[in-house]
Amino acid sequence: MLRNRNVFATIAVKDIEVARKFYEGTLGFVHDGPRLDGVLNFRSGATMFIVYASQYAGTNQATSASWDAGDEIEDIVTSLRGKGITFEHYTMPDTVLEGDIHVSGNMRVAWFKDPDGNILNLFSSGQRRKA
């Protein structure tokens, strides 16, 4: 019934203007879609996500959205760090931390938060780029 339907992330925020500055200015997304009070639509690759104002913003303690960064994960992490993003570090079984990237086999993951504390992540499940 739903397996052939597109899905997108919805991210709750307290202040839509603060969120706009973060998602547009820091992360580089462009608002795409109808202009609705308290709602921002962003296109990301062939998908989209929405950011919306909610009194419950910042209460989720799990990952809200993930982006497949492919073999560019290191470059993206470096770029975001240069824009003031602080990455989260977690202790997980069979995982080592290389800088801000958690590595387990071919899986590489980096987590960071938006201004409301929503956890966002970048991942790469492919082969590592040759240095």
N, C-alpha and C. Protein backbone atom coordinates (compact mmCIF):
# COMPACT_ATOMS: atom_id res chain seq x y z
N MET A 1 0.80 -1.20 0.00
CA MET A 1 0.00 0.00 0.00
C MET A 1 0.85 1.27 0.00
N LEU A 2 1.84 1.36 0.90
CA LEU A 2 2.65 2.58 0.97
C LEU A 2 4.05 2.42 0.39
N ARG A 3 4.47 1.20 0.14
CA ARG A 3 5.87 0.98 -0.23
C ARG A 3 6.28 1.63 -1.53
N ASN A 4 5.36 1.99 -2.40
CA ASN A 4 5.70 2.67 -3.65
C ASN A 4 5.43 4.17 -3.59
N ARG A 5 5.19 4.66 -2.40
CA ARG A 5 4.91 6.09 -2.20
C ARG A 5 6.14 6.81 -1.68
N ASN A 6 6.34 8.05 -2.11
CA ASN A 6 7.44 8.86 -1.60
C ASN A 6 7.19 9.23 -0.15
N VAL A 7 8.26 9.40 0.59
CA VAL A 7 8.19 9.81 1.98
C VAL A 7 9.16 10.98 2.17
N PHE A 8 8.87 11.85 3.11
CA PHE A 8 9.81 12.94 3.39
C PHE A 8 9.84 13.22 4.88
N ALA A 9 10.92 13.84 5.32
CA ALA A 9 11.10 14.18 6.74
C ALA A 9 10.31 15.43 7.09
N THR A 10 9.83 15.48 8.32
CA THR A 10 9.20 16.68 8.86
C THR A 10 9.96 17.03 10.15
N ILE A 11 10.42 18.26 10.23
CA ILE A 11 11.27 18.69 11.34
C ILE A 11 10.59 19.85 12.07
N ALA A 12 10.30 19.64 13.35
CA ALA A 12 9.63 20.66 14.15
C ALA A 12 10.65 21.66 14.70
N VAL A 13 10.31 22.95 14.65
CA VAL A 13 11.17 24.01 15.17
C VAL A 13 10.33 24.98 15.99
N LYS A 14 10.97 25.69 16.90
CA LYS A 14 10.27 26.67 17.72
C LYS A 14 10.08 27.99 16.98
N ASP A 15 11.13 28.45 16.31
CA ASP A 15 11.12 29.75 15.65
C ASP A 15 11.43 29.55 14.16
N ILE A 16 10.45 29.75 13.33
CA ILE A 16 10.59 29.47 11.90
C ILE A 16 11.64 30.36 11.24
N GLU A 17 11.81 31.58 11.71
CA GLU A 17 12.82 32.48 11.11
C GLU A 17 14.23 32.06 11.49
N VAL A 18 14.44 31.62 12.71
CA VAL A 18 15.74 31.08 13.11
C VAL A 18 16.04 29.83 12.27
N ALA A 19 15.03 28.98 12.10
CA ALA A 19 15.19 27.77 11.30
C ALA A 19 15.50 28.12 9.84
N ARG A 20 14.82 29.13 9.29
CA ARG A 20 15.08 29.54 7.91
C ARG A 20 16.54 29.94 7.74
N LYS A 21 17.07 30.73 8.67
CA LYS A 21 18.47 31.16 8.60
C LYS A 21 19.42 29.96 8.63
N PHE A 22 19.10 28.98 9.47
CA PHE A 22 19.95 27.79 9.59
C PHE A 22 19.88 26.93 8.34
N TYR A 23 18.67 26.55 7.93
CA TYR A 23 18.52 25.63 6.80
C TYR A 23 18.89 26.28 5.47
N GLU A 24 18.60 27.56 5.31
CA GLU A 24 18.97 28.25 4.07
C GLU A 24 20.41 28.77 4.14
N GLY A 25 20.74 29.52 5.18
CA GLY A 25 22.05 30.15 5.27
C GLY A 25 23.18 29.21 5.57
N THR A 26 23.02 28.37 6.59
CA THR A 26 24.10 27.48 7.01
C THR A 26 24.18 26.23 6.14
N LEU A 27 23.02 25.57 5.93
CA LEU A 27 23.03 24.32 5.18
C LEU A 27 22.87 24.50 3.67
N GLY A 28 22.41 25.68 3.23
CA GLY A 28 22.36 25.98 1.80
C GLY A 28 21.12 25.53 1.05
N PHE A 29 20.06 25.17 1.76
CA PHE A 29 18.82 24.77 1.08
C PHE A 29 18.07 25.99 0.58
N VAL A 30 17.23 25.79 -0.42
CA VAL A 30 16.40 26.85 -0.97
C VAL A 30 14.94 26.48 -0.72
N HIS A 31 14.19 27.43 -0.16
CA HIS A 31 12.76 27.20 0.08
C HIS A 31 12.09 26.90 -1.25
N ASP A 32 11.32 25.82 -1.31
CA ASP A 32 10.71 25.37 -2.55
C ASP A 32 9.29 24.92 -2.27
N GLY A 33 8.34 25.68 -2.71
CA GLY A 33 6.95 25.28 -2.50
C GLY A 33 6.10 26.45 -2.09
N PRO A 34 4.88 26.17 -1.74
CA PRO A 34 3.96 27.25 -1.37
C PRO A 34 4.42 27.96 -0.10
N ARG A 35 4.13 29.22 -0.01
CA ARG A 35 4.47 30.01 1.18
C ARG A 35 3.33 29.88 2.18
N LEU A 36 3.55 29.11 3.22
CA LEU A 36 2.56 28.93 4.26
C LEU A 36 3.14 29.44 5.57
N ASP A 37 2.33 30.10 6.38
CA ASP A 37 2.80 30.58 7.67
C ASP A 37 3.28 29.40 8.51
N GLY A 38 4.50 29.51 9.02
CA GLY A 38 5.02 28.50 9.92
C GLY A 38 5.49 27.23 9.27
N VAL A 39 5.60 27.21 7.93
CA VAL A 39 6.04 26.00 7.23
C VAL A 39 7.04 26.37 6.14
N LEU A 40 8.16 25.65 6.08
CA LEU A 40 9.15 25.82 5.02
C LEU A 40 9.31 24.48 4.30
N ASN A 41 9.30 24.50 2.98
CA ASN A 41 9.53 23.30 2.16
C ASN A 41 10.91 23.43 1.54
N PHE A 42 11.70 22.39 1.65
CA PHE A 42 13.03 22.39 1.06
C PHE A 42 13.21 21.17 0.18
N ARG A 43 13.74 21.36 -1.02
CA ARG A 43 14.09 20.27 -1.92
C ARG A 43 15.50 19.83 -1.58
N SER A 44 15.71 18.52 -1.57
CA SER A 44 17.02 17.95 -1.28
C SER A 44 17.21 16.77 -2.23
N GLY A 45 17.99 16.97 -3.27
CA GLY A 45 18.13 15.94 -4.29
C GLY A 45 16.79 15.73 -4.96
N ALA A 46 16.36 14.48 -5.06
CA ALA A 46 15.07 14.16 -5.68
C ALA A 46 13.96 14.10 -4.64
N THR A 47 14.25 14.49 -3.41
CA THR A 47 13.27 14.42 -2.33
C THR A 47 13.04 15.81 -1.75
N MET A 48 12.26 15.86 -0.68
CA MET A 48 12.04 17.12 0.01
C MET A 48 11.85 16.86 1.49
N PHE A 49 11.94 17.94 2.27
CA PHE A 49 11.60 17.87 3.68
C PHE A 49 10.93 19.18 4.06
N ILE A 50 10.15 19.12 5.14
CA ILE A 50 9.52 20.34 5.61
C ILE A 50 10.00 20.65 7.02
N VAL A 51 10.05 21.94 7.29
CA VAL A 51 10.37 22.45 8.62
C VAL A 51 9.14 23.24 9.03
N TYR A 52 8.61 22.97 10.21
CA TYR A 52 7.38 23.63 10.62
C TYR A 52 7.45 24.05 12.08
N ALA A 53 6.74 25.11 12.42
CA ALA A 53 6.70 25.61 13.78
C ALA A 53 5.82 24.70 14.64
N SER A 54 6.35 24.34 15.81
CA SER A 54 5.61 23.47 16.72
C SER A 54 6.03 23.75 18.15
N GLN A 55 5.09 23.69 19.05
CA GLN A 55 5.41 23.85 20.46
C GLN A 55 6.22 22.68 21.00
N TYR A 56 6.27 21.57 20.27
CA TYR A 56 7.00 20.38 20.70
C TYR A 56 8.40 20.29 20.11
N ALA A 57 8.84 21.33 19.45
CA ALA A 57 10.15 21.33 18.80
C ALA A 57 11.26 21.01 19.81
N GLY A 58 12.25 20.27 19.33
CA GLY A 58 13.42 19.97 20.13
C GLY A 58 13.23 18.87 21.16
N THR A 59 12.10 18.20 21.17
CA THR A 59 11.87 17.15 22.16
C THR A 59 12.28 15.77 21.67
N ASN A 60 12.51 15.63 20.36
CA ASN A 60 12.92 14.34 19.81
C ASN A 60 14.39 14.10 20.14
N GLN A 61 14.71 12.98 20.73
CA GLN A 61 16.09 12.65 21.08
C GLN A 61 16.71 11.66 20.09
N ALA A 62 16.06 11.49 18.95
CA ALA A 62 16.55 10.58 17.91
C ALA A 62 16.79 11.39 16.64
N THR A 63 17.40 10.76 15.65
CA THR A 63 17.68 11.43 14.38
C THR A 63 16.38 11.81 13.68
N SER A 64 16.31 13.08 13.24
CA SER A 64 15.12 13.60 12.55
C SER A 64 15.22 13.46 11.05
N ALA A 65 16.41 13.62 10.49
CA ALA A 65 16.61 13.54 9.03
C ALA A 65 18.03 13.10 8.75
N SER A 66 18.20 12.38 7.64
CA SER A 66 19.51 11.87 7.23
C SER A 66 19.75 12.18 5.76
N TRP A 67 20.99 12.53 5.43
CA TRP A 67 21.37 12.78 4.04
C TRP A 67 22.48 11.83 3.65
N ASP A 68 22.35 11.20 2.48
CA ASP A 68 23.40 10.34 1.94
C ASP A 68 24.46 11.24 1.33
N ALA A 69 25.58 11.36 2.02
CA ALA A 69 26.66 12.25 1.59
C ALA A 69 27.64 11.54 0.66
N GLY A 70 27.48 10.23 0.49
CA GLY A 70 28.36 9.49 -0.41
C GLY A 70 29.83 9.67 -0.05
N ASP A 71 30.67 9.65 -1.07
CA ASP A 71 32.11 9.76 -0.81
C ASP A 71 32.55 11.20 -0.55
N GLU A 72 31.61 12.12 -0.46
CA GLU A 72 31.93 13.51 -0.13
C GLU A 72 31.73 13.82 1.35
N ILE A 73 31.48 12.81 2.17
CA ILE A 73 31.15 13.06 3.57
C ILE A 73 32.22 13.88 4.28
N GLU A 74 33.50 13.56 4.06
CA GLU A 74 34.57 14.31 4.73
C GLU A 74 34.54 15.78 4.33
N ASP A 75 34.37 16.05 3.03
CA ASP A 75 34.33 17.43 2.54
C ASP A 75 33.13 18.19 3.10
N ILE A 76 31.99 17.52 3.17
CA ILE A 76 30.78 18.17 3.69
C ILE A 76 30.95 18.46 5.17
N VAL A 77 31.47 17.52 5.94
CA VAL A 77 31.71 17.74 7.37
C VAL A 77 32.66 18.92 7.56
N THR A 78 33.73 18.97 6.79
CA THR A 78 34.69 20.07 6.89
C THR A 78 34.02 21.41 6.57
N SER A 79 33.22 21.44 5.51
CA SER A 79 32.52 22.66 5.12
C SER A 79 31.56 23.12 6.20
N LEU A 80 30.78 22.20 6.75
CA LEU A 80 29.81 22.56 7.79
C LEU A 80 30.53 23.01 9.07
N ARG A 81 31.63 22.36 9.41
CA ARG A 81 32.41 22.79 10.57
C ARG A 81 32.88 24.23 10.37
N GLY A 82 33.27 24.58 9.15
CA GLY A 82 33.69 25.94 8.83
C GLY A 82 32.56 26.95 8.95
N LYS A 83 31.32 26.48 8.90
CA LYS A 83 30.15 27.36 9.05
C LYS A 83 29.65 27.38 10.49
N GLY A 84 30.42 26.80 11.40
CA GLY A 84 30.07 26.84 12.81
C GLY A 84 29.31 25.65 13.35
N ILE A 85 29.12 24.62 12.53
CA ILE A 85 28.42 23.43 13.00
C ILE A 85 29.33 22.65 13.95
N THR A 86 28.77 22.25 15.09
CA THR A 86 29.46 21.37 16.03
C THR A 86 28.87 19.99 15.88
N PHE A 87 29.72 19.00 15.69
CA PHE A 87 29.26 17.64 15.49
C PHE A 87 29.16 16.89 16.81
N GLU A 88 28.19 16.00 16.88
CA GLU A 88 27.94 15.18 18.06
C GLU A 88 28.84 13.95 17.98
N HIS A 89 29.27 13.47 19.15
CA HIS A 89 30.08 12.26 19.22
C HIS A 89 29.39 11.28 20.14
N TYR A 90 29.22 10.06 19.66
CA TYR A 90 28.52 9.02 20.41
C TYR A 90 29.42 7.80 20.57
N THR A 91 29.23 7.06 21.65
CA THR A 91 29.94 5.80 21.87
C THR A 91 29.01 4.69 21.42
N MET A 92 29.49 3.91 20.43
CA MET A 92 28.68 2.81 19.89
C MET A 92 29.57 1.60 19.68
N PRO A 93 29.00 0.41 19.83
CA PRO A 93 29.79 -0.81 19.63
C PRO A 93 30.36 -0.89 18.21
N ASP A 94 31.56 -1.42 18.09
CA ASP A 94 32.22 -1.67 16.81
C ASP A 94 32.32 -0.42 15.94
N THR A 95 32.45 0.73 16.58
CA THR A 95 32.53 2.00 15.87
C THR A 95 33.69 2.81 16.43
N VAL A 96 34.46 3.41 15.53
CA VAL A 96 35.55 4.30 15.95
C VAL A 96 35.24 5.71 15.43
N LEU A 97 35.73 6.68 16.15
CA LEU A 97 35.54 8.07 15.77
C LEU A 97 36.80 8.56 15.07
N GLU A 98 36.65 9.01 13.82
CA GLU A 98 37.75 9.59 13.06
C GLU A 98 37.39 11.05 12.83
N GLY A 99 37.95 11.93 13.67
CA GLY A 99 37.55 13.33 13.63
C GLY A 99 36.12 13.43 14.12
N ASP A 100 35.23 13.90 13.27
CA ASP A 100 33.82 14.01 13.62
C ASP A 100 32.97 12.92 12.97
N ILE A 101 33.62 11.95 12.33
CA ILE A 101 32.90 10.90 11.60
C ILE A 101 33.03 9.57 12.32
N HIS A 102 31.88 8.96 12.60
CA HIS A 102 31.84 7.63 13.21
C HIS A 102 32.00 6.60 12.09
N VAL A 103 32.91 5.64 12.28
CA VAL A 103 33.21 4.66 11.25
C VAL A 103 32.98 3.25 11.79
N SER A 104 32.21 2.48 11.02
CA SER A 104 31.99 1.07 11.33
C SER A 104 31.98 0.33 10.00
N GLY A 105 33.09 -0.36 9.69
CA GLY A 105 33.21 -1.00 8.38
C GLY A 105 33.18 0.08 7.29
N ASN A 106 32.32 -0.10 6.29
CA ASN A 106 32.19 0.90 5.22
C ASN A 106 31.22 2.03 5.57
N MET A 107 30.50 1.89 6.68
CA MET A 107 29.53 2.91 7.09
C MET A 107 30.24 4.05 7.80
N ARG A 108 29.99 5.28 7.34
CA ARG A 108 30.52 6.48 7.97
C ARG A 108 29.36 7.42 8.24
N VAL A 109 29.29 7.93 9.47
CA VAL A 109 28.15 8.75 9.88
C VAL A 109 28.64 9.93 10.71
N ALA A 110 28.02 11.09 10.49
CA ALA A 110 28.29 12.28 11.31
C ALA A 110 26.96 12.89 11.71
N TRP A 111 26.81 13.22 12.99
CA TRP A 111 25.57 13.80 13.51
C TRP A 111 25.82 15.24 13.95
N PHE A 112 24.82 16.09 13.74
CA PHE A 112 24.85 17.47 14.24
C PHE A 112 23.43 17.89 14.55
N LYS A 113 23.29 19.04 15.21
CA LYS A 113 21.96 19.50 15.61
C LYS A 113 21.63 20.84 14.98
N ASP A 114 20.34 21.07 14.76
CA ASP A 114 19.88 22.38 14.32
C ASP A 114 19.69 23.26 15.56
N PRO A 115 19.32 24.52 15.41
CA PRO A 115 19.18 25.40 16.58
C PRO A 115 18.17 24.93 17.63
N ASP A 116 17.22 24.08 17.27
CA ASP A 116 16.25 23.56 18.22
C ASP A 116 16.68 22.24 18.85
N GLY A 117 17.85 21.74 18.48
CA GLY A 117 18.33 20.48 19.02
C GLY A 117 17.88 19.26 18.24
N ASN A 118 17.24 19.47 17.09
CA ASN A 118 16.89 18.33 16.24
C ASN A 118 18.17 17.69 15.73
N ILE A 119 18.26 16.38 15.83
CA ILE A 119 19.46 15.66 15.42
C ILE A 119 19.36 15.35 13.93
N LEU A 120 20.38 15.77 13.19
CA LEU A 120 20.46 15.55 11.75
C LEU A 120 21.71 14.73 11.48
N ASN A 121 21.71 13.96 10.40
CA ASN A 121 22.92 13.19 10.14
C ASN A 121 23.28 13.10 8.68
N LEU A 122 24.57 12.90 8.48
CA LEU A 122 25.15 12.63 7.16
C LEU A 122 25.67 11.20 7.22
N PHE A 123 25.50 10.45 6.15
CA PHE A 123 26.04 9.10 6.17
C PHE A 123 26.61 8.75 4.80
N SER A 124 27.48 7.77 4.82
CA SER A 124 28.03 7.19 3.60
C SER A 124 28.21 5.71 3.86
N SER A 125 27.65 4.90 2.98
CA SER A 125 27.77 3.46 3.16
C SER A 125 28.65 2.81 2.10
N GLY A 126 29.28 3.65 1.28
CA GLY A 126 30.11 3.14 0.19
C GLY A 126 31.56 3.00 0.60
N GLN A 127 32.37 2.66 -0.38
CA GLN A 127 33.80 2.54 -0.16
C GLN A 127 34.41 3.89 0.16
N ARG A 128 35.43 3.90 0.97
CA ARG A 128 36.10 5.14 1.34
C ARG A 128 36.91 5.66 0.17
N ARG A 129 36.93 6.97 0.05
CA ARG A 129 37.69 7.63 -1.00
C ARG A 129 39.18 7.46 -0.73
N LYS A 130 39.93 7.21 -1.77
CA LYS A 130 41.39 7.05 -1.64
C LYS A 130 42.02 8.42 -1.39
N ALA A 131 42.96 8.46 -0.42
CA ALA A 131 43.64 9.72 -0.10
C ALA A 131 44.72 10.04 -1.10
